[in-house]
Amino acid sequence: MQFSSKIITGRGIGRKLGFPTLNLEVPENFLSESGVFAARLFLDEKVWPAILFFGKRATFDNEKTLEIHVLTKFADSPTKVAFEILTKIRAGKKFTSADELKKQIEKDCAAAREILELR
């Protein structure tokens, strides 16, 4: 199922960790459980492999967020995108440090690449 969403301003946490994200407004029809997912981003008739997080940022501020990190070189600055979730990689969790979270995101991206067959 595809979802459409407006891009909103984030706090730059993903960028600081080395994984810049597009922060998304949660669509009305979005029924996903929280966690990390392999996903596809649709923009300008192109399909971008991605990893998506939905849930509370337990390691930082417990704010609920929906954000997507594109796994290949991506320089667009869209105002609205469409996306689809393919499969869940893991549940969200609190990490003891930003470095521990960064290591897990690296593993999550590797898992998403495997799912999306981007070896």
C-alpha atoms as a PDB file:
ATOM      1  CA  MET A   1       0.000   0.000   0.000  1.00  0.00           C
ATOM      2  CA  GLN A   2       1.308   3.436  -0.930  1.00  0.00           C
ATOM      3  CA  PHE A   3       1.106   6.448   1.327  1.00  0.00           C
ATOM      4  CA  SER A   4       1.576  10.141   0.489  1.00  0.00           C
ATOM      5  CA  SER A   5       3.042  12.587   2.930  1.00  0.00           C
ATOM      6  CA  LYS A   6       4.254  16.157   3.267  1.00  0.00           C
ATOM      7  CA  ILE A   7       7.875  16.725   4.265  1.00  0.00           C
ATOM      8  CA  ILE A   8       8.156  18.494   7.624  1.00  0.00           C
ATOM      9  CA  THR A   9      11.078  20.037   9.462  1.00  0.00           C
ATOM     10  CA  GLY A  10      12.959  17.627  11.694  1.00  0.00           C
ATOM     11  CA  ARG A  11      15.595  18.089  14.380  1.00  0.00           C
ATOM     12  CA  GLY A  12      18.542  16.902  12.253  1.00  0.00           C
ATOM     13  CA  ILE A  13      19.272  13.876  14.447  1.00  0.00           C
ATOM     14  CA  GLY A  14      19.578  11.480  11.493  1.00  0.00           C
ATOM     15  CA  ARG A  15      21.940  13.845   9.687  1.00  0.00           C
ATOM     16  CA  LYS A  16      24.149  14.126  12.792  1.00  0.00           C
ATOM     17  CA  LEU A  17      24.319  10.323  12.941  1.00  0.00           C
ATOM     18  CA  GLY A  18      25.311  10.133   9.260  1.00  0.00           C
ATOM     19  CA  PHE A  19      21.877   8.979   8.059  1.00  0.00           C
ATOM     20  CA  PRO A  20      19.978  12.045   6.809  1.00  0.00           C
ATOM     21  CA  THR A  21      16.240  11.531   6.716  1.00  0.00           C
ATOM     22  CA  LEU A  22      13.164  13.088   5.221  1.00  0.00           C
ATOM     23  CA  ASN A  23      10.831  13.760   8.134  1.00  0.00           C
ATOM     24  CA  LEU A  24       7.256  13.022   7.167  1.00  0.00           C
ATOM     25  CA  GLU A  25       3.850  14.087   8.379  1.00  0.00           C
ATOM     26  CA  VAL A  26       2.029  10.914   9.441  1.00  0.00           C
ATOM     27  CA  PRO A  27      -0.643  10.265   6.787  1.00  0.00           C
ATOM     28  CA  GLU A  28      -4.250   9.906   7.964  1.00  0.00           C
ATOM     29  CA  ASN A  29      -4.529   6.378   6.583  1.00  0.00           C
ATOM     30  CA  PHE A  30      -1.177   5.269   8.041  1.00  0.00           C
ATOM     31  CA  LEU A  31      -1.846   2.177  10.138  1.00  0.00           C
ATOM     32  CA  SER A  32       1.667   0.794  10.535  1.00  0.00           C
ATOM     33  CA  GLU A  33       2.984  -0.535  13.791  1.00  0.00           C
ATOM     34  CA  SER A  34       6.126   1.120  15.108  1.00  0.00           C
ATOM     35  CA  GLY A  35       9.575  -0.079  14.070  1.00  0.00           C
ATOM     36  CA  VAL A  36      12.177  -0.024  11.312  1.00  0.00           C
ATOM     37  CA  PHE A  37      11.114  -1.110   7.814  1.00  0.00           C
ATOM     38  CA  ALA A  38      12.548  -1.666   4.339  1.00  0.00           C
ATOM     39  CA  ALA A  39      10.675   0.741   2.078  1.00  0.00           C
ATOM     40  CA  ARG A  40      10.510   2.408  -1.307  1.00  0.00           C
ATOM     41  CA  LEU A  41      10.248   6.155  -1.867  1.00  0.00           C
ATOM     42  CA  PHE A  42       8.504   7.419  -5.012  1.00  0.00           C
ATOM     43  CA  LEU A  43       9.528  10.801  -6.356  1.00  0.00           C
ATOM     44  CA  ASP A  44       9.499  12.291  -9.859  1.00  0.00           C
ATOM     45  CA  GLU A  45       8.693   8.943 -11.484  1.00  0.00           C
ATOM     46  CA  LYS A  46      11.720   7.354  -9.814  1.00  0.00           C
ATOM     47  CA  VAL A  47      11.792   4.668  -7.145  1.00  0.00           C
ATOM     48  CA  TRP A  48      14.355   5.070  -4.362  1.00  0.00           C
ATOM     49  CA  PRO A  49      15.321   2.231  -1.985  1.00  0.00           C
ATOM     50  CA  ALA A  50      14.929   3.337   1.598  1.00  0.00           C
ATOM     51  CA  ILE A  51      14.667   2.496   5.246  1.00  0.00           C
ATOM     52  CA  LEU A  52      11.771   3.912   7.250  1.00  0.00           C
ATOM     53  CA  PHE A  53      11.359   4.467  10.978  1.00  0.00           C
ATOM     54  CA  PHE A  54       8.009   5.018  12.657  1.00  0.00           C
ATOM     55  CA  GLY A  55       7.656   5.343  16.410  1.00  0.00           C
ATOM     56  CA  LYS A  56       9.039   7.138  19.427  1.00  0.00           C
ATOM     57  CA  ARG A  57      12.662   8.319  19.387  1.00  0.00           C
ATOM     58  CA  ALA A  58      13.315   6.554  22.677  1.00  0.00           C
ATOM     59  CA  THR A  59      17.069   7.226  22.650  1.00  0.00           C
ATOM     60  CA  PHE A  60      16.606  10.995  22.373  1.00  0.00           C
ATOM     61  CA  ASP A  61      13.292  12.576  23.291  1.00  0.00           C
ATOM     62  CA  ASN A  62      10.449  10.033  23.083  1.00  0.00           C
ATOM     63  CA  GLU A  63       8.745  12.102  20.368  1.00  0.00           C
ATOM     64  CA  LYS A  64       6.776  10.119  17.806  1.00  0.00           C
ATOM     65  CA  THR A  65       8.257  10.436  14.330  1.00  0.00           C
ATOM     66  CA  LEU A  66       7.944   9.104  10.798  1.00  0.00           C
ATOM     67  CA  GLU A  67      11.147   9.422   8.806  1.00  0.00           C
ATOM     68  CA  ILE A  68      12.741   7.841   5.788  1.00  0.00           C
ATOM     69  CA  HIS A  69      16.416   7.481   4.832  1.00  0.00           C
ATOM     70  CA  VAL A  70      17.225   6.880   1.159  1.00  0.00           C
ATOM     71  CA  LEU A  71      19.846   4.130   0.738  1.00  0.00           C
ATOM     72  CA  THR A  72      21.390   5.478  -2.484  1.00  0.00           C
ATOM     73  CA  LYS A  73      22.717   8.900  -3.451  1.00  0.00           C
ATOM     74  CA  PHE A  74      19.820  11.298  -3.099  1.00  0.00           C
ATOM     75  CA  ALA A  75      20.016  15.080  -3.343  1.00  0.00           C
ATOM     76  CA  ASP A  76      16.415  16.136  -3.939  1.00  0.00           C
ATOM     77  CA  SER A  77      14.584  18.471  -1.575  1.00  0.00           C
ATOM     78  CA  PRO A  78      10.957  17.499  -2.137  1.00  0.00           C
ATOM     79  CA  THR A  79       7.972  18.968  -0.328  1.00  0.00           C
ATOM     80  CA  LYS A  80       5.789  15.878  -0.747  1.00  0.00           C
ATOM     81  CA  VAL A  81       6.575  12.208  -1.420  1.00  0.00           C
ATOM     82  CA  ALA A  82       4.895   8.837  -1.734  1.00  0.00           C
ATOM     83  CA  PHE A  83       6.239   5.691  -0.113  1.00  0.00           C
ATOM     84  CA  GLU A  84       5.438   2.072   0.546  1.00  0.00           C
ATOM     85  CA  ILE A  85       6.523  -0.216   3.354  1.00  0.00           C
ATOM     86  CA  LEU A  86       7.822  -3.599   2.263  1.00  0.00           C
ATOM     87  CA  THR A  87       8.730  -5.503   5.421  1.00  0.00           C
ATOM     88  CA  LYS A  88       9.587  -4.928   9.040  1.00  0.00           C
ATOM     89  CA  ILE A  89      13.262  -5.214   9.962  1.00  0.00           C
ATOM     90  CA  ARG A  90      12.943  -4.783  13.735  1.00  0.00           C
ATOM     91  CA  ALA A  91      11.003  -3.160  16.538  1.00  0.00           C
ATOM     92  CA  GLY A  92      12.026   0.232  17.851  1.00  0.00           C
ATOM     93  CA  LYS A  93      14.092   0.331  21.029  1.00  0.00           C
ATOM     94  CA  LYS A  94      16.044   2.633  23.302  1.00  0.00           C
ATOM     95  CA  PHE A  95      19.822   2.623  22.884  1.00  0.00           C
ATOM     96  CA  THR A  96      22.338   3.558  25.556  1.00  0.00           C
ATOM     97  CA  SER A  97      24.148   6.014  23.261  1.00  0.00           C
ATOM     98  CA  ALA A  98      24.025   7.678  19.860  1.00  0.00           C
ATOM     99  CA  ASP A  99      26.991   5.515  18.800  1.00  0.00           C
ATOM    100  CA  GLU A 100      25.107   2.327  19.678  1.00  0.00           C
ATOM    101  CA  LEU A 101      22.118   3.578  17.656  1.00  0.00           C
ATOM    102  CA  LYS A 102      24.396   4.452  14.712  1.00  0.00           C
ATOM    103  CA  LYS A 103      25.810   0.890  14.674  1.00  0.00           C
ATOM    104  CA  GLN A 104      22.273  -0.518  14.680  1.00  0.00           C
ATOM    105  CA  ILE A 105      21.196   1.782  11.831  1.00  0.00           C
ATOM    106  CA  GLU A 106      24.155   0.491   9.798  1.00  0.00           C
ATOM    107  CA  LYS A 107      22.853  -3.066  10.384  1.00  0.00           C
ATOM    108  CA  ASP A 108      19.302  -1.972   9.527  1.00  0.00           C
ATOM    109  CA  CYS A 109      20.497  -0.428   6.252  1.00  0.00           C
ATOM    110  CA  ALA A 110      22.383  -3.645   5.392  1.00  0.00           C
ATOM    111  CA  ALA A 111      19.221  -5.671   6.086  1.00  0.00           C
ATOM    112  CA  ALA A 112      17.142  -3.325   3.926  1.00  0.00           C
ATOM    113  CA  ARG A 113      19.683  -3.548   1.095  1.00  0.00           C
ATOM    114  CA  GLU A 114      19.423  -7.331   1.232  1.00  0.00           C
ATOM    115  CA  ILE A 115      15.620  -7.203   1.171  1.00  0.00           C
ATOM    116  CA  LEU A 116      15.703  -4.704  -1.702  1.00  0.00           C
ATOM    117  CA  GLU A 117      18.445  -6.709  -3.419  1.00  0.00           C
ATOM    118  CA  LEU A 118      20.967  -3.822  -3.429  1.00  0.00           C
ATOM    119  CA  ARG A 119      24.182  -5.721  -2.861  1.00  0.00           C
END
